[in-house]
């Protein structure tokens, strides 16, 4: 069932149960050390970030796409990627710097330029792009990669 949700400068309509149902089936994530770190770090997200993902039905440990970049600090990585959820934007502009919103270490925006959508993802599809600095949480040191 679609419900309206106000998020920063957007009004979106989302079907949280359909989205959650899709994520419950599982999405494969790369098993490189950087991606494993992201998945593990998602178990320790700030409560406000975890609630945001939960309110959209998204499992944060299952991004559709994930790219990793170094930062000045060895034990922090910059992750850029996207998620999908069942929904659409009712009000708000896509992909504008002014519309990006921040929750702790995550910057988010919505995109209508869909990429890496799983074949069986239900319609309508809305893409949530993110950029986040995530601490290294694995025992294996990132310099050992």
C-alpha atoms as a PDB file:
ATOM      1  CA  UNK A   1       0.000   0.000   0.000  1.00  0.00           C
ATOM      2  CA  UNK A   2       1.402   3.383  -0.990  1.00  0.00           C
ATOM      3  CA  UNK A   3       1.761   5.985   1.721  1.00  0.00           C
ATOM      4  CA  UNK A   4       2.987   9.565   1.574  1.00  0.00           C
ATOM      5  CA  UNK A   5       6.192  10.429   3.417  1.00  0.00           C
ATOM      6  CA  UNK A   6       7.766  13.892   3.779  1.00  0.00           C
ATOM      7  CA  UNK A   7      11.552  13.668   3.509  1.00  0.00           C
ATOM      8  CA  UNK A   8      13.491  16.947   3.587  1.00  0.00           C
ATOM      9  CA  UNK A   9      12.361  18.905   0.484  1.00  0.00           C
ATOM     10  CA  UNK A  10      10.492  15.973  -1.032  1.00  0.00           C
ATOM     11  CA  UNK A  11       7.120  14.396  -0.702  1.00  0.00           C
ATOM     12  CA  UNK A  12       7.353  10.765  -1.759  1.00  0.00           C
ATOM     13  CA  UNK A  13       4.814   8.026  -2.048  1.00  0.00           C
ATOM     14  CA  UNK A  14       6.245   4.653  -1.003  1.00  0.00           C
ATOM     15  CA  UNK A  15       5.071   1.084  -0.645  1.00  0.00           C
ATOM     16  CA  UNK A  16       7.133   0.069   2.356  1.00  0.00           C
ATOM     17  CA  UNK A  17       5.786  -3.472   2.626  1.00  0.00           C
ATOM     18  CA  UNK A  18       6.542  -4.292  -1.045  1.00  0.00           C
ATOM     19  CA  UNK A  19      10.015  -2.795  -0.671  1.00  0.00           C
ATOM     20  CA  UNK A  20      10.704  -4.734   2.523  1.00  0.00           C
ATOM     21  CA  UNK A  21       9.385  -7.920   0.916  1.00  0.00           C
ATOM     22  CA  UNK A  22      11.864  -7.495  -1.946  1.00  0.00           C
ATOM     23  CA  UNK A  23      14.839  -6.885   0.370  1.00  0.00           C
ATOM     24  CA  UNK A  24      13.839  -9.896   2.487  1.00  0.00           C
ATOM     25  CA  UNK A  25      14.483 -12.081  -0.583  1.00  0.00           C
ATOM     26  CA  UNK A  26      18.099 -10.917  -0.469  1.00  0.00           C
ATOM     27  CA  UNK A  27      20.315  -8.952  -2.823  1.00  0.00           C
ATOM     28  CA  UNK A  28      23.857 -10.140  -3.455  1.00  0.00           C
ATOM     29  CA  UNK A  29      26.580  -7.718  -2.452  1.00  0.00           C
ATOM     30  CA  UNK A  30      30.184  -7.902  -3.625  1.00  0.00           C
ATOM     31  CA  UNK A  31      32.387  -9.870  -1.240  1.00  0.00           C
ATOM     32  CA  UNK A  32      35.529  -7.733  -1.521  1.00  0.00           C
ATOM     33  CA  UNK A  33      36.924  -6.488   1.783  1.00  0.00           C
ATOM     34  CA  UNK A  34      35.650  -2.912   1.271  1.00  0.00           C
ATOM     35  CA  UNK A  35      32.096  -4.121   0.596  1.00  0.00           C
ATOM     36  CA  UNK A  36      32.262  -6.549   3.523  1.00  0.00           C
ATOM     37  CA  UNK A  37      33.228  -3.579   5.691  1.00  0.00           C
ATOM     38  CA  UNK A  38      30.197  -1.617   4.475  1.00  0.00           C
ATOM     39  CA  UNK A  39      27.852  -4.525   5.218  1.00  0.00           C
ATOM     40  CA  UNK A  40      29.336  -4.962   8.699  1.00  0.00           C
ATOM     41  CA  UNK A  41      29.233  -1.205   9.384  1.00  0.00           C
ATOM     42  CA  UNK A  42      25.517  -1.211   8.522  1.00  0.00           C
ATOM     43  CA  UNK A  43      24.972  -3.306  11.658  1.00  0.00           C
ATOM     44  CA  UNK A  44      26.222  -0.327  13.677  1.00  0.00           C
ATOM     45  CA  UNK A  45      24.524   2.618  11.947  1.00  0.00           C
ATOM     46  CA  UNK A  46      23.469   5.630  13.952  1.00  0.00           C
ATOM     47  CA  UNK A  47      19.869   5.166  15.088  1.00  0.00           C
ATOM     48  CA  UNK A  48      18.602   8.080  12.969  1.00  0.00           C
ATOM     49  CA  UNK A  49      20.118   6.568   9.801  1.00  0.00           C
ATOM     50  CA  UNK A  50      18.782   3.090  10.608  1.00  0.00           C
ATOM     51  CA  UNK A  51      15.293   4.511  11.215  1.00  0.00           C
ATOM     52  CA  UNK A  52      15.397   6.387   7.892  1.00  0.00           C
ATOM     53  CA  UNK A  53      16.187   3.193   5.970  1.00  0.00           C
ATOM     54  CA  UNK A  54      13.618   1.204   7.951  1.00  0.00           C
ATOM     55  CA  UNK A  55      10.907   3.795   7.255  1.00  0.00           C
ATOM     56  CA  UNK A  56      11.404   3.176   3.522  1.00  0.00           C
ATOM     57  CA  UNK A  57      11.633  -0.618   3.871  1.00  0.00           C
ATOM     58  CA  UNK A  58      15.277  -0.635   2.721  1.00  0.00           C
ATOM     59  CA  UNK A  59      17.904  -2.985   4.117  1.00  0.00           C
ATOM     60  CA  UNK A  60      20.987  -0.712   4.249  1.00  0.00           C
ATOM     61  CA  UNK A  61      23.353  -3.705   4.016  1.00  0.00           C
ATOM     62  CA  UNK A  62      22.036  -4.435   0.494  1.00  0.00           C
ATOM     63  CA  UNK A  63      22.846  -1.515  -1.823  1.00  0.00           C
ATOM     64  CA  UNK A  64      22.156  -2.011  -5.521  1.00  0.00           C
ATOM     65  CA  UNK A  65      25.499  -0.419  -6.327  1.00  0.00           C
ATOM     66  CA  UNK A  66      28.489   0.480  -4.199  1.00  0.00           C
ATOM     67  CA  UNK A  67      31.721   2.319  -5.051  1.00  0.00           C
ATOM     68  CA  UNK A  68      34.528   2.870  -2.582  1.00  0.00           C
ATOM     69  CA  UNK A  69      37.066   5.687  -2.420  1.00  0.00           C
ATOM     70  CA  UNK A  70      39.904   6.419   0.003  1.00  0.00           C
ATOM     71  CA  UNK A  71      39.806   9.385   2.353  1.00  0.00           C
ATOM     72  CA  UNK A  72      42.624  11.214   4.108  1.00  0.00           C
ATOM     73  CA  UNK A  73      42.101   8.907   7.077  1.00  0.00           C
ATOM     74  CA  UNK A  74      43.105   5.280   6.548  1.00  0.00           C
ATOM     75  CA  UNK A  75      40.359   3.950   8.807  1.00  0.00           C
ATOM     76  CA  UNK A  76      37.522   5.810   7.029  1.00  0.00           C
ATOM     77  CA  UNK A  77      36.264   5.027   3.524  1.00  0.00           C
ATOM     78  CA  UNK A  78      33.957   7.041   1.296  1.00  0.00           C
ATOM     79  CA  UNK A  79      31.117   4.925  -0.066  1.00  0.00           C
ATOM     80  CA  UNK A  80      28.875   6.066  -2.906  1.00  0.00           C
ATOM     81  CA  UNK A  81      25.956   4.012  -4.104  1.00  0.00           C
ATOM     82  CA  UNK A  82      22.249   3.608  -4.424  1.00  0.00           C
ATOM     83  CA  UNK A  83      19.220   1.734  -3.209  1.00  0.00           C
ATOM     84  CA  UNK A  84      15.789   1.271  -4.712  1.00  0.00           C
ATOM     85  CA  UNK A  85      12.379   1.282  -3.163  1.00  0.00           C
ATOM     86  CA  UNK A  86       8.846   1.020  -4.440  1.00  0.00           C
ATOM     87  CA  UNK A  87       7.645   4.576  -4.766  1.00  0.00           C
ATOM     88  CA  UNK A  88       7.663   7.860  -6.595  1.00  0.00           C
ATOM     89  CA  UNK A  89       8.342  11.522  -5.931  1.00  0.00           C
ATOM     90  CA  UNK A  90       5.205  13.644  -5.673  1.00  0.00           C
ATOM     91  CA  UNK A  91       7.018  16.936  -4.934  1.00  0.00           C
ATOM     92  CA  UNK A  92      10.674  17.904  -5.146  1.00  0.00           C
ATOM     93  CA  UNK A  93      13.428  18.080  -7.735  1.00  0.00           C
ATOM     94  CA  UNK A  94      15.653  15.143  -8.591  1.00  0.00           C
ATOM     95  CA  UNK A  95      19.445  15.225  -8.314  1.00  0.00           C
ATOM     96  CA  UNK A  96      20.008  18.787  -7.207  1.00  0.00           C
ATOM     97  CA  UNK A  97      22.697  19.821  -4.757  1.00  0.00           C
ATOM     98  CA  UNK A  98      20.175  22.058  -3.021  1.00  0.00           C
ATOM     99  CA  UNK A  99      17.818  19.138  -2.428  1.00  0.00           C
ATOM    100  CA  UNK A 100      20.399  16.730  -1.018  1.00  0.00           C
ATOM    101  CA  UNK A 101      19.831  16.013   2.644  1.00  0.00           C
ATOM    102  CA  UNK A 102      22.115  14.783   5.379  1.00  0.00           C
ATOM    103  CA  UNK A 103      21.565  12.294   8.158  1.00  0.00           C
ATOM    104  CA  UNK A 104      24.720  11.928  10.246  1.00  0.00           C
ATOM    105  CA  UNK A 105      27.505  10.764   7.878  1.00  0.00           C
ATOM    106  CA  UNK A 106      25.135  10.079   4.942  1.00  0.00           C
ATOM    107  CA  UNK A 107      24.140  12.498   2.162  1.00  0.00           C
ATOM    108  CA  UNK A 108      21.039  11.414   0.242  1.00  0.00           C
ATOM    109  CA  UNK A 109      19.071  12.458  -2.807  1.00  0.00           C
ATOM    110  CA  UNK A 110      16.490  10.899  -5.082  1.00  0.00           C
ATOM    111  CA  UNK A 111      17.133  10.124  -8.726  1.00  0.00           C
ATOM    112  CA  UNK A 112      14.951   9.373 -11.709  1.00  0.00           C
ATOM    113  CA  UNK A 113      18.062   8.177 -13.573  1.00  0.00           C
ATOM    114  CA  UNK A 114      17.686   4.541 -12.532  1.00  0.00           C
ATOM    115  CA  UNK A 115      20.797   2.353 -12.436  1.00  0.00           C
ATOM    116  CA  UNK A 116      21.419  -1.225 -11.304  1.00  0.00           C
ATOM    117  CA  UNK A 117      17.732  -1.935 -10.670  1.00  0.00           C
ATOM    118  CA  UNK A 118      17.259  -5.671 -10.018  1.00  0.00           C
ATOM    119  CA  UNK A 119      15.221  -7.295 -12.802  1.00  0.00           C
ATOM    120  CA  UNK A 120      12.350  -8.351 -10.578  1.00  0.00           C
ATOM    121  CA  UNK A 121      12.066  -5.128  -8.569  1.00  0.00           C
ATOM    122  CA  UNK A 122       8.401  -4.057  -8.378  1.00  0.00           C
ATOM    123  CA  UNK A 123       7.128  -0.836  -9.986  1.00  0.00           C
ATOM    124  CA  UNK A 124       7.136   2.091  -9.520  1.00  0.00           C
ATOM    125  CA  UNK A 125      10.874   2.257  -8.776  1.00  0.00           C
ATOM    126  CA  UNK A 126      12.505   5.205  -7.050  1.00  0.00           C
ATOM    127  CA  UNK A 127      16.262   5.428  -6.597  1.00  0.00           C
ATOM    128  CA  UNK A 128      17.886   6.710  -3.432  1.00  0.00           C
ATOM    129  CA  UNK A 129      21.491   7.786  -4.038  1.00  0.00           C
ATOM    130  CA  UNK A 130      23.909   8.186  -1.156  1.00  0.00           C
ATOM    131  CA  UNK A 131      27.412   9.307  -0.289  1.00  0.00           C
ATOM    132  CA  UNK A 132      28.783   8.384   3.131  1.00  0.00           C
ATOM    133  CA  UNK A 133      32.001   8.290   5.077  1.00  0.00           C
ATOM    134  CA  UNK A 134      32.051   4.994   6.939  1.00  0.00           C
ATOM    135  CA  UNK A 135      34.600   3.887   9.537  1.00  0.00           C
ATOM    136  CA  UNK A 136      36.559   0.701   9.037  1.00  0.00           C
ATOM    137  CA  UNK A 137      35.024  -1.860  11.409  1.00  0.00           C
ATOM    138  CA  UNK A 138      36.553  -5.147  10.260  1.00  0.00           C
ATOM    139  CA  UNK A 139      39.465  -6.699  12.133  1.00  0.00           C
ATOM    140  CA  UNK A 140      41.450  -6.961   8.904  1.00  0.00           C
ATOM    141  CA  UNK A 141      43.172  -3.625   8.288  1.00  0.00           C
ATOM    142  CA  UNK A 142      42.290  -1.826   5.003  1.00  0.00           C
ATOM    143  CA  UNK A 143      45.993  -1.453   4.144  1.00  0.00           C
ATOM    144  CA  UNK A 144      46.158  -5.244   3.890  1.00  0.00           C
ATOM    145  CA  UNK A 145      43.901  -5.236   0.814  1.00  0.00           C
END
